Amino acid sequence: MTPGNWQQSSYCSEGDACLNITTSPNGTLLLRESDNPTTVLTLTVTQFRTLIRMLKGQIR
């Protein structure tokens, strides 16, 4: 699996543990932290939406 170009969160300061995201050829989303780029979380779009809603406290 070869990911596309990693994009960095706009909330990131100069290189401090930033969240990066990209898509894989099969359409899943890949997330990683810039301070540990070898650990990658793979999510479907539905799983990503659920994660964001959980982080916002909209679901438990």
Protein backbone atom coordinates (compact mmCIF):
# COMPACT_ATOMS: atom_id res chain seq x y z
CA MET A 1 0.00 0.00 0.00
CA THR A 2 1.47 3.33 -1.06
CA PRO A 3 -0.19 6.34 0.59
CA GLY A 4 -0.66 9.64 -1.19
CA ASN A 5 0.79 12.90 0.05
CA TRP A 6 0.47 13.29 3.80
CA GLN A 7 -1.38 16.44 4.85
CA GLN A 8 -0.73 18.10 8.18
CA SER A 9 -3.39 19.47 10.50
CA SER A 10 -3.84 23.24 10.35
CA TYR A 11 -3.83 23.23 14.17
CA CYS A 12 -0.22 22.06 14.26
CA SER A 13 2.52 24.35 15.47
CA GLU A 14 6.02 24.06 14.06
CA GLY A 15 6.50 20.27 13.99
CA ASP A 16 5.21 19.39 17.47
CA ALA A 17 3.38 16.04 17.44
CA CYS A 18 1.17 16.92 14.51
CA LEU A 19 -1.61 14.80 13.06
CA ASN A 20 -1.07 13.79 9.43
CA ILE A 21 -3.71 12.26 7.13
CA THR A 22 -3.72 10.73 3.66
CA THR A 23 -5.70 8.21 1.64
CA SER A 24 -4.63 4.80 0.46
CA PRO A 25 -5.28 3.46 -3.06
CA ASN A 26 -8.24 1.43 -1.73
CA GLY A 27 -9.93 4.54 -0.29
CA THR A 28 -9.18 4.09 3.41
CA LEU A 29 -7.86 6.99 5.47
CA LEU A 30 -4.46 6.78 7.12
CA LEU A 31 -3.63 8.79 10.24
CA ARG A 32 -0.28 9.20 11.98
CA GLU A 33 1.47 11.52 14.41
CA SER A 34 4.48 13.34 13.06
CA ASP A 35 6.58 12.38 16.09
CA ASN A 36 5.88 8.66 15.46
CA PRO A 37 5.35 8.33 11.69
CA THR A 38 5.81 4.55 11.57
CA THR A 39 2.61 3.94 13.54
CA VAL A 40 -0.37 4.39 11.23
CA LEU A 41 -4.07 4.09 12.04
CA THR A 42 -6.14 2.85 9.08
CA LEU A 43 -9.83 3.81 9.03
CA THR A 44 -12.76 3.70 6.65
CA VAL A 45 -14.58 6.99 6.08
CA THR A 46 -17.40 5.78 8.35
CA GLN A 47 -14.94 4.88 11.13
CA PHE A 48 -13.25 8.27 10.77
CA ARG A 49 -16.59 10.08 11.11
CA THR A 50 -17.36 8.03 14.22
CA LEU A 51 -13.94 8.84 15.72
CA ILE A 52 -14.44 12.57 15.16
CA ARG A 53 -17.93 12.47 16.65
CA MET A 54 -16.57 10.59 19.70
CA LEU A 55 -13.76 13.13 20.15
CA LYS A 56 -16.29 15.96 19.97
CA GLY A 57 -18.39 14.22 22.63
CA GLN A 58 -21.36 13.76 20.34
CA ILE A 59 -21.50 9.99 20.92
CA ARG A 60 -20.23 7.70 23.66
